[in-house]
Amino acid sequence: DMRLPDGDGLELVDWIQTNAADVPVAVITAHGNIEKA
C-alpha cells in the first residue's frame, strides 16, 4: 500500500531497489492518485 503507519510505499520501493532488487514490487494507490503511482 502507498500509505502505511510508519512511512509510505515510495520509501519502501526505494529501499527494495537497494536491498532486495530481485523482488518485483507493485504499489497500491488511492483512486486517482496517478502522481504517486
PDB file of all heavy atoms in Angstrom:
ATOM      1  N   ASP A   1       0.851  -1.182   0.000  1.00  0.00           N
ATOM      2  CA  ASP A   1       0.000   0.000   0.000  1.00  0.00           C
ATOM      3  C   ASP A   1       0.890   1.236   0.000  1.00  0.00           C
ATOM      4  O   ASP A   1       2.039   1.206   0.456  1.00  0.00           O
ATOM      5  CB  ASP A   1      -0.905  -0.004   1.233  1.00  0.00           C
ATOM      6  CG  ASP A   1      -2.016   1.037   1.135  1.00  0.00           C
ATOM      7  OD1 ASP A   1      -2.350   1.444   0.012  1.00  0.00           O
ATOM      8  OD2 ASP A   1      -2.541   1.438   2.175  1.00  0.00           O
ATOM      9  N   MET A   2       0.374   2.341  -0.517  1.00  0.00           N
ATOM     10  CA  MET A   2       1.159   3.568  -0.557  1.00  0.00           C
ATOM     11  C   MET A   2       1.220   4.254   0.800  1.00  0.00           C
ATOM     12  O   MET A   2       2.227   4.848   1.168  1.00  0.00           O
ATOM     13  CB  MET A   2       0.586   4.520  -1.608  1.00  0.00           C
ATOM     14  CG  MET A   2       1.502   5.681  -1.934  1.00  0.00           C
ATOM     15  SD  MET A   2       3.053   5.168  -2.732  1.00  0.00           S
ATOM     16  CE  MET A   2       2.477   4.862  -4.387  1.00  0.00           C
ATOM     17  N   ARG A   3       0.113   4.153   1.572  1.00  0.00           N
ATOM     18  CA  ARG A   3       0.052   4.805   2.879  1.00  0.00           C
ATOM     19  C   ARG A   3       0.160   3.767   3.982  1.00  0.00           C
ATOM     20  O   ARG A   3      -0.680   2.874   4.095  1.00  0.00           O
ATOM     21  CB  ARG A   3      -1.246   5.592   3.020  1.00  0.00           C
ATOM     22  CG  ARG A   3      -1.391   6.715   2.000  1.00  0.00           C
ATOM     23  CD  ARG A   3      -2.707   7.446   2.163  1.00  0.00           C
ATOM     24  NE  ARG A   3      -2.801   8.128   3.456  1.00  0.00           N
ATOM     25  CZ  ARG A   3      -3.872   8.819   3.859  1.00  0.00           C
ATOM     26  NH1 ARG A   3      -4.941   8.886   3.072  1.00  0.00           N
ATOM     27  NH2 ARG A   3      -3.876   9.403   5.043  1.00  0.00           N
ATOM     28  N   LEU A   4       1.209   3.896   4.808  1.00  0.00           N
ATOM     29  CA  LEU A   4       1.450   2.956   5.889  1.00  0.00           C
ATOM     30  C   LEU A   4       1.674   3.717   7.191  1.00  0.00           C
ATOM     31  O   LEU A   4       2.061   4.897   7.172  1.00  0.00           O
ATOM     32  CB  LEU A   4       2.661   2.075   5.568  1.00  0.00           C
ATOM     33  CG  LEU A   4       2.476   1.162   4.340  1.00  0.00           C
ATOM     34  CD1 LEU A   4       3.815   0.614   3.860  1.00  0.00           C
ATOM     35  CD2 LEU A   4       1.504   0.027   4.667  1.00  0.00           C
ATOM     36  N   PRO A   5       1.459   3.090   8.346  1.00  0.00           N
ATOM     37  CA  PRO A   5       1.521   3.805   9.626  1.00  0.00           C
ATOM     38  C   PRO A   5       2.851   4.488   9.904  1.00  0.00           C
ATOM     39  O   PRO A   5       2.893   5.559  10.510  1.00  0.00           O
ATOM     40  CB  PRO A   5       1.229   2.697  10.653  1.00  0.00           C
ATOM     41  CG  PRO A   5       0.484   1.646   9.899  1.00  0.00           C
ATOM     42  CD  PRO A   5       1.025   1.688   8.519  1.00  0.00           C
ATOM     43  N   ASP A   6       3.979   3.884   9.501  1.00  0.00           N
ATOM     44  CA  ASP A   6       5.297   4.432   9.823  1.00  0.00           C
ATOM     45  C   ASP A   6       6.091   4.879   8.591  1.00  0.00           C
ATOM     46  O   ASP A   6       7.308   4.987   8.620  1.00  0.00           O
ATOM     47  CB  ASP A   6       6.118   3.412  10.615  1.00  0.00           C
ATOM     48  CG  ASP A   6       6.290   2.096   9.845  1.00  0.00           C
ATOM     49  OD1 ASP A   6       5.542   1.870   8.859  1.00  0.00           O
ATOM     50  OD2 ASP A   6       7.172   1.299  10.231  1.00  0.00           O
ATOM     51  N   GLY A   7       5.405   5.156   7.505  1.00  0.00           N
ATOM     52  CA  GLY A   7       6.071   5.619   6.293  1.00  0.00           C
ATOM     53  C   GLY A   7       5.157   5.467   5.091  1.00  0.00           C
ATOM     54  O   GLY A   7       3.937   5.401   5.234  1.00  0.00           O
ATOM     55  N   ASP A   8       5.742   5.450   3.905  1.00  0.00           N
ATOM     56  CA  ASP A   8       4.911   5.265   2.712  1.00  0.00           C
ATOM     57  C   ASP A   8       5.547   4.270   1.751  1.00  0.00           C
ATOM     58  O   ASP A   8       6.707   3.844   1.927  1.00  0.00           O
ATOM     59  CB  ASP A   8       4.623   6.601   2.000  1.00  0.00           C
ATOM     60  CG  ASP A   8       5.868   7.271   1.431  1.00  0.00           C
ATOM     61  OD1 ASP A   8       6.913   6.603   1.286  1.00  0.00           O
ATOM     62  OD2 ASP A   8       5.787   8.464   1.110  1.00  0.00           O
ATOM     63  N   GLY A   9       4.750   3.887   0.775  1.00  0.00           N
ATOM     64  CA  GLY A   9       5.192   2.901  -0.193  1.00  0.00           C
ATOM     65  C   GLY A   9       6.395   3.343  -1.006  1.00  0.00           C
ATOM     66  O   GLY A   9       7.212   2.521  -1.412  1.00  0.00           O
ATOM     67  N   LEU A  10       6.521   4.653  -1.244  1.00  0.00           N
ATOM     68  CA  LEU A  10       7.645   5.160  -2.017  1.00  0.00           C
ATOM     69  C   LEU A  10       8.969   4.871  -1.310  1.00  0.00           C
ATOM     70  O   LEU A  10       9.954   4.469  -1.937  1.00  0.00           O
ATOM     71  CB  LEU A  10       7.505   6.667  -2.254  1.00  0.00           C
ATOM     72  CG  LEU A  10       6.342   7.111  -3.157  1.00  0.00           C
ATOM     73  CD1 LEU A  10       6.300   8.627  -3.257  1.00  0.00           C
ATOM     74  CD2 LEU A  10       6.468   6.497  -4.542  1.00  0.00           C
ATOM     75  N   GLU A  11       8.980   5.089  -0.003  1.00  0.00           N
ATOM     76  CA  GLU A  11      10.175   4.789   0.788  1.00  0.00           C
ATOM     77  C   GLU A  11      10.540   3.311   0.677  1.00  0.00           C
ATOM     78  O   GLU A  11      11.706   2.947   0.513  1.00  0.00           O
ATOM     79  CB  GLU A  11       9.940   5.161   2.258  1.00  0.00           C
ATOM     80  CG  GLU A  11      11.083   4.778   3.191  1.00  0.00           C
ATOM     81  CD  GLU A  11      10.687   4.850   4.662  1.00  0.00           C
ATOM     82  OE1 GLU A  11       9.673   5.498   4.983  1.00  0.00           O
ATOM     83  OE2 GLU A  11      11.384   4.222   5.488  1.00  0.00           O
ATOM     84  N   LEU A  12       9.518   2.467   0.740  1.00  0.00           N
ATOM     85  CA  LEU A  12       9.747   1.026   0.686  1.00  0.00           C
ATOM     86  C   LEU A  12      10.236   0.593  -0.699  1.00  0.00           C
ATOM     87  O   LEU A  12      11.137  -0.244  -0.816  1.00  0.00           O
ATOM     88  CB  LEU A  12       8.469   0.282   1.059  1.00  0.00           C
ATOM     89  CG  LEU A  12       8.602  -1.224   1.284  1.00  0.00           C
ATOM     90  CD1 LEU A  12       9.630  -1.519   2.367  1.00  0.00           C
ATOM     91  CD2 LEU A  12       7.249  -1.818   1.669  1.00  0.00           C
ATOM     92  N   VAL A  13       9.640   1.149  -1.753  1.00  0.00           N
ATOM     93  CA  VAL A  13      10.078   0.829  -3.118  1.00  0.00           C
ATOM     94  C   VAL A  13      11.554   1.177  -3.288  1.00  0.00           C
ATOM     95  O   VAL A  13      12.340   0.385  -3.826  1.00  0.00           O
ATOM     96  CB  VAL A  13       9.227   1.586  -4.163  1.00  0.00           C
ATOM     97  CG1 VAL A  13       9.856   1.450  -5.558  1.00  0.00           C
ATOM     98  CG2 VAL A  13       7.806   1.061  -4.190  1.00  0.00           C
ATOM     99  N   ASP A  14      11.932   2.365  -2.821  1.00  0.00           N
ATOM    100  CA  ASP A  14      13.315   2.805  -2.913  1.00  0.00           C
ATOM    101  C   ASP A  14      14.251   1.864  -2.138  1.00  0.00           C
ATOM    102  O   ASP A  14      15.328   1.497  -2.618  1.00  0.00           O
ATOM    103  CB  ASP A  14      13.433   4.236  -2.382  1.00  0.00           C
ATOM    104  CG  ASP A  14      14.776   4.875  -2.729  1.00  0.00           C
ATOM    105  OD1 ASP A  14      15.298   4.616  -3.835  1.00  0.00           O
ATOM    106  OD2 ASP A  14      15.284   5.650  -1.901  1.00  0.00           O
ATOM    107  N   TRP A  15      13.821   1.461  -0.945  1.00  0.00           N
ATOM    108  CA  TRP A  15      14.630   0.546  -0.121  1.00  0.00           C
ATOM    109  C   TRP A  15      14.798  -0.817  -0.803  1.00  0.00           C
ATOM    110  O   TRP A  15      15.883  -1.402  -0.789  1.00  0.00           O
ATOM    111  CB  TRP A  15      13.959   0.372   1.259  1.00  0.00           C
ATOM    112  CG  TRP A  15      14.751  -0.458   2.222  1.00  0.00           C
ATOM    113  CD1 TRP A  15      15.692  -0.024   3.111  1.00  0.00           C
ATOM    114  CD2 TRP A  15      14.655  -1.885   2.402  1.00  0.00           C
ATOM    115  NE1 TRP A  15      16.194  -1.079   3.829  1.00  0.00           N
ATOM    116  CE2 TRP A  15      15.576  -2.242   3.409  1.00  0.00           C
ATOM    117  CE3 TRP A  15      13.892  -2.887   1.819  1.00  0.00           C
ATOM    118  CZ2 TRP A  15      15.747  -3.554   3.846  1.00  0.00           C
ATOM    119  CZ3 TRP A  15      14.073  -4.206   2.243  1.00  0.00           C
ATOM    120  CH2 TRP A  15      14.978  -4.527   3.240  1.00  0.00           C
ATOM    121  N   ILE A  16      13.741  -1.313  -1.403  1.00  0.00           N
ATOM    122  CA  ILE A  16      13.787  -2.615  -2.079  1.00  0.00           C
ATOM    123  C   ILE A  16      14.774  -2.595  -3.240  1.00  0.00           C
ATOM    124  O   ILE A  16      15.489  -3.576  -3.473  1.00  0.00           O
ATOM    125  CB  ILE A  16      12.376  -3.026  -2.545  1.00  0.00           C
ATOM    126  CG1 ILE A  16      11.508  -3.414  -1.339  1.00  0.00           C
ATOM    127  CG2 ILE A  16      12.448  -4.190  -3.534  1.00  0.00           C
ATOM    128  CD1 ILE A  16      10.056  -3.692  -1.693  1.00  0.00           C
ATOM    129  N   GLN A  17      14.849  -1.489  -3.981  1.00  0.00           N
ATOM    130  CA  GLN A  17      15.768  -1.415  -5.118  1.00  0.00           C
ATOM    131  C   GLN A  17      17.223  -1.583  -4.690  1.00  0.00           C
ATOM    132  O   GLN A  17      18.060  -2.054  -5.464  1.00  0.00           O
ATOM    133  CB  GLN A  17      15.600  -0.081  -5.866  1.00  0.00           C
ATOM    134  CG  GLN A  17      14.202   0.194  -6.393  1.00  0.00           C
ATOM    135  CD  GLN A  17      13.587  -0.976  -7.096  1.00  0.00           C
ATOM    136  OE1 GLN A  17      14.137  -1.501  -8.057  1.00  0.00           O
ATOM    137  NE2 GLN A  17      12.446  -1.425  -6.607  1.00  0.00           N
ATOM    138  N   THR A  18      17.519  -1.211  -3.456  1.00  0.00           N
ATOM    139  CA  THR A  18      18.888  -1.322  -2.940  1.00  0.00           C
ATOM    140  C   THR A  18      19.123  -2.638  -2.211  1.00  0.00           C
ATOM    141  O   THR A  18      20.185  -3.251  -2.345  1.00  0.00           O
ATOM    142  CB  THR A  18      19.198  -0.152  -1.986  1.00  0.00           C
ATOM    143  OG1 THR A  18      19.008   1.085  -2.676  1.00  0.00           O
ATOM    144  CG2 THR A  18      20.630  -0.218  -1.469  1.00  0.00           C
ATOM    145  N   ASN A  19      18.125  -3.081  -1.453  1.00  0.00           N
ATOM    146  CA  ASN A  19      18.326  -4.206  -0.548  1.00  0.00           C
ATOM    147  C   ASN A  19      17.693  -5.522  -0.989  1.00  0.00           C
ATOM    148  O   ASN A  19      18.040  -6.585  -0.472  1.00  0.00           O
ATOM    149  CB  ASN A  19      17.781  -3.841   0.847  1.00  0.00           C
ATOM    150  CG  ASN A  19      18.511  -2.654   1.444  1.00  0.00           C
ATOM    151  OD1 ASN A  19      19.571  -2.789   2.028  1.00  0.00           O
ATOM    152  ND2 ASN A  19      17.934  -1.463   1.295  1.00  0.00           N
ATOM    153  N   ALA A  20      16.760  -5.463  -1.929  1.00  0.00           N
ATOM    154  CA  ALA A  20      16.114  -6.685  -2.432  1.00  0.00           C
ATOM    155  C   ALA A  20      15.732  -6.481  -3.892  1.00  0.00           C
ATOM    156  O   ALA A  20      14.570  -6.664  -4.287  1.00  0.00           O
ATOM    157  CB  ALA A  20      14.887  -7.033  -1.584  1.00  0.00           C
ATOM    158  N   ALA A  21      16.730  -6.114  -4.696  1.00  0.00           N
ATOM    159  CA  ALA A  21      16.482  -5.677  -6.067  1.00  0.00           C
ATOM    160  C   ALA A  21      15.855  -6.751  -6.954  1.00  0.00           C
ATOM    161  O   ALA A  21      15.249  -6.433  -7.987  1.00  0.00           O
ATOM    162  CB  ALA A  21      17.780  -5.187  -6.701  1.00  0.00           C
ATOM    163  N   ASP A  22      15.991  -8.014  -6.580  1.00  0.00           N
ATOM    164  CA  ASP A  22      15.426  -9.091  -7.395  1.00  0.00           C
ATOM    165  C   ASP A  22      13.926  -9.287  -7.171  1.00  0.00           C
ATOM    166  O   ASP A  22      13.303 -10.092  -7.876  1.00  0.00           O
ATOM    167  CB  ASP A  22      16.145 -10.411  -7.088  1.00  0.00           C
ATOM    168  CG  ASP A  22      17.590 -10.403  -7.574  1.00  0.00           C
ATOM    169  OD1 ASP A  22      17.895  -9.621  -8.502  1.00  0.00           O
ATOM    170  OD2 ASP A  22      18.398 -11.165  -7.019  1.00  0.00           O
ATOM    171  N   VAL A  23      13.354  -8.575  -6.221  1.00  0.00           N
ATOM    172  CA  VAL A  23      11.935  -8.747  -5.900  1.00  0.00           C
ATOM    173  C   VAL A  23      11.102  -7.694  -6.630  1.00  0.00           C
ATOM    174  O   VAL A  23      11.192  -6.504  -6.315  1.00  0.00           O
ATOM    175  CB  VAL A  23      11.683  -8.637  -4.379  1.00  0.00           C
ATOM    176  CG1 VAL A  23      10.201  -8.868  -4.073  1.00  0.00           C
ATOM    177  CG2 VAL A  23      12.545  -9.630  -3.615  1.00  0.00           C
ATOM    178  N   PRO A  24      10.280  -8.066  -7.610  1.00  0.00           N
ATOM    179  CA  PRO A  24       9.390  -7.090  -8.247  1.00  0.00           C
ATOM    180  C   PRO A  24       8.373  -6.566  -7.234  1.00  0.00           C
ATOM    181  O   PRO A  24       7.795  -7.349  -6.480  1.00  0.00           O
ATOM    182  CB  PRO A  24       8.699  -7.901  -9.358  1.00  0.00           C
ATOM    183  CG  PRO A  24       9.481  -9.154  -9.500  1.00  0.00           C
ATOM    184  CD  PRO A  24      10.111  -9.420  -8.175  1.00  0.00           C
ATOM    185  N   VAL A  25       8.160  -5.258  -7.216  1.00  0.00           N
ATOM    186  CA  VAL A  25       7.224  -4.664  -6.266  1.00  0.00           C
ATOM    187  C   VAL A  25       6.189  -3.830  -7.010  1.00  0.00           C
ATOM    188  O   VAL A  25       6.516  -3.035  -7.890  1.00  0.00           O
ATOM    189  CB  VAL A  25       7.962  -3.810  -5.208  1.00  0.00           C
ATOM    190  CG1 VAL A  25       8.840  -2.758  -5.860  1.00  0.00           C
ATOM    191  CG2 VAL A  25       6.978  -3.165  -4.241  1.00  0.00           C
ATOM    192  N   ALA A  26       4.915  -4.042  -6.682  1.00  0.00           N
ATOM    193  CA  ALA A  26       3.814  -3.243  -7.220  1.00  0.00           C
ATOM    194  C   ALA A  26       3.186  -2.465  -6.076  1.00  0.00           C
ATOM    195  O   ALA A  26       3.090  -2.971  -4.950  1.00  0.00           O
ATOM    196  CB  ALA A  26       2.777  -4.139  -7.895  1.00  0.00           C
ATOM    197  N   VAL A  27       2.767  -1.240  -6.331  1.00  0.00           N
ATOM    198  CA  VAL A  27       2.193  -0.394  -5.281  1.00  0.00           C
ATOM    199  C   VAL A  27       0.687  -0.265  -5.477  1.00  0.00           C
ATOM    200  O   VAL A  27       0.174  -0.326  -6.596  1.00  0.00           O
ATOM    201  CB  VAL A  27       2.849   1.005  -5.252  1.00  0.00           C
ATOM    202  CG1 VAL A  27       4.330   0.890  -4.924  1.00  0.00           C
ATOM    203  CG2 VAL A  27       2.656   1.730  -6.570  1.00  0.00           C
ATOM    204  N   ILE A  28      -0.012  -0.081  -4.352  1.00  0.00           N
ATOM    205  CA  ILE A  28      -1.460   0.099  -4.347  1.00  0.00           C
ATOM    206  C   ILE A  28      -1.738   1.544  -3.953  1.00  0.00           C
ATOM    207  O   ILE A  28      -1.312   1.995  -2.890  1.00  0.00           O
ATOM    208  CB  ILE A  28      -2.136  -0.876  -3.361  1.00  0.00           C
ATOM    209  CG1 ILE A  28      -1.792  -2.330  -3.741  1.00  0.00           C
ATOM    210  CG2 ILE A  28      -3.646  -0.673  -3.363  1.00  0.00           C
ATOM    211  CD1 ILE A  28      -2.199  -3.343  -2.694  1.00  0.00           C
ATOM    212  N   THR A  29      -2.418   2.281  -4.814  1.00  0.00           N
ATOM    213  CA  THR A  29      -2.667   3.700  -4.579  1.00  0.00           C
ATOM    214  C   THR A  29      -4.162   3.976  -4.440  1.00  0.00           C
ATOM    215  O   THR A  29      -5.000   3.179  -4.874  1.00  0.00           O
ATOM    216  CB  THR A  29      -2.114   4.567  -5.726  1.00  0.00           C
ATOM    217  OG1 THR A  29      -2.895   4.317  -6.917  1.00  0.00           O
ATOM    218  CG2 THR A  29      -0.663   4.244  -6.013  1.00  0.00           C
ATOM    219  N   ALA A  30      -4.456   5.119  -3.827  1.00  0.00           N
ATOM    220  CA  ALA A  30      -5.843   5.578  -3.777  1.00  0.00           C
ATOM    221  C   ALA A  30      -6.301   5.908  -5.186  1.00  0.00           C
ATOM    222  O   ALA A  30      -5.506   6.262  -6.058  1.00  0.00           O
ATOM    223  CB  ALA A  30      -5.960   6.802  -2.877  1.00  0.00           C
ATOM    224  N   HIS A  31      -7.597   5.752  -5.432  1.00  0.00           N
ATOM    225  CA  HIS A  31      -8.148   6.004  -6.760  1.00  0.00           C
ATOM    226  C   HIS A  31      -7.820   7.417  -7.228  1.00  0.00           C
ATOM    227  O   HIS A  31      -8.031   8.397  -6.528  1.00  0.00           O
ATOM    228  CB  HIS A  31      -9.664   5.806  -6.759  1.00  0.00           C
ATOM    229  CG  HIS A  31     -10.290   6.053  -8.104  1.00  0.00           C
ATOM    230  ND1 HIS A  31     -10.085   5.233  -9.188  1.00  0.00           N
ATOM    231  CD2 HIS A  31     -11.085   7.065  -8.544  1.00  0.00           C
ATOM    232  CE1 HIS A  31     -10.730   5.701 -10.221  1.00  0.00           C
ATOM    233  NE2 HIS A  31     -11.362   6.816  -9.861  1.00  0.00           N
ATOM    234  N   GLY A  32      -7.278   7.522  -8.405  1.00  0.00           N
ATOM    235  CA  GLY A  32      -6.982   8.824  -8.997  1.00  0.00           C
ATOM    236  C   GLY A  32      -5.644   9.417  -8.617  1.00  0.00           C
ATOM    237  O   GLY A  32      -5.265  10.469  -9.119  1.00  0.00           O
ATOM    238  N   ASN A  33      -4.896   8.761  -7.728  1.00  0.00           N
ATOM    239  CA  ASN A  33      -3.612   9.307  -7.301  1.00  0.00           C
ATOM    240  C   ASN A  33      -2.508   8.848  -8.248  1.00  0.00           C
ATOM    241  O   ASN A  33      -1.586   8.119  -7.872  1.00  0.00           O
ATOM    242  CB  ASN A  33      -3.312   8.891  -5.862  1.00  0.00           C
ATOM    243  CG  ASN A  33      -2.210   9.732  -5.239  1.00  0.00           C
ATOM    244  OD1 ASN A  33      -1.569  10.531  -5.925  1.00  0.00           O
ATOM    245  ND2 ASN A  33      -1.976   9.550  -3.957  1.00  0.00           N
ATOM    246  N   ILE A  34      -2.603   9.301  -9.480  1.00  0.00           N
ATOM    247  CA  ILE A  34      -1.677   8.878 -10.514  1.00  0.00           C
ATOM    248  C   ILE A  34      -0.263   9.408 -10.249  1.00  0.00           C
ATOM    249  O   ILE A  34       0.733   8.748 -10.555  1.00  0.00           O
ATOM    250  CB  ILE A  34      -2.160   9.332 -11.904  1.00  0.00           C
ATOM    251  CG1 ILE A  34      -3.481   8.649 -12.259  1.00  0.00           C
ATOM    252  CG2 ILE A  34      -1.134   9.034 -12.979  1.00  0.00           C
ATOM    253  CD1 ILE A  34      -3.376   7.127 -12.352  1.00  0.00           C
ATOM    254  N   GLU A  35      -0.176  10.624  -9.676  1.00  0.00           N
ATOM    255  CA  GLU A  35       1.134  11.219  -9.438  1.00  0.00           C
ATOM    256  C   GLU A  35       2.010  10.319  -8.571  1.00  0.00           C
ATOM    257  O   GLU A  35       3.199  10.114  -8.843  1.00  0.00           O
ATOM    258  CB  GLU A  35       1.000  12.601  -8.775  1.00  0.00           C
ATOM    259  CG  GLU A  35       0.377  13.677  -9.667  1.00  0.00           C
ATOM    260  CD  GLU A  35      -1.131  13.552  -9.796  1.00  0.00           C
ATOM    261  OE1 GLU A  35      -1.728  12.777  -9.007  1.00  0.00           O
ATOM    262  OE2 GLU A  35      -1.715  14.207 -10.676  1.00  0.00           O
ATOM    263  N   LYS A  36       1.424   9.784  -7.489  1.00  0.00           N
ATOM    264  CA  LYS A  36       2.165   8.879  -6.604  1.00  0.00           C
ATOM    265  C   LYS A  36       2.576   7.603  -7.345  1.00  0.00           C
ATOM    266  O   LYS A  36       3.672   7.085  -7.151  1.00  0.00           O
ATOM    267  CB  LYS A  36       1.303   8.524  -5.390  1.00  0.00           C
ATOM    268  CG  LYS A  36       1.232   9.620  -4.328  1.00  0.00           C
ATOM    269  CD  LYS A  36       2.502   9.667  -3.499  1.00  0.00           C
ATOM    270  CE  LYS A  36       2.350  10.634  -2.321  1.00  0.00           C
ATOM    271  NZ  LYS A  36       3.597  10.728  -1.511  1.00  0.00           N
ATOM    272  N   ALA A  37       1.656   7.105  -8.151  1.00  0.00           N
ATOM    273  CA  ALA A  37       1.951   5.894  -8.915  1.00  0.00           C
ATOM    274  C   ALA A  37       3.122   6.124  -9.865  1.00  0.00           C
ATOM    275  O   ALA A  37       4.013   5.275  -9.983  1.00  0.00           O
ATOM    276  CB  ALA A  37       0.715   5.451  -9.686  1.00  0.00           C
TER     277      ALA A  37
END
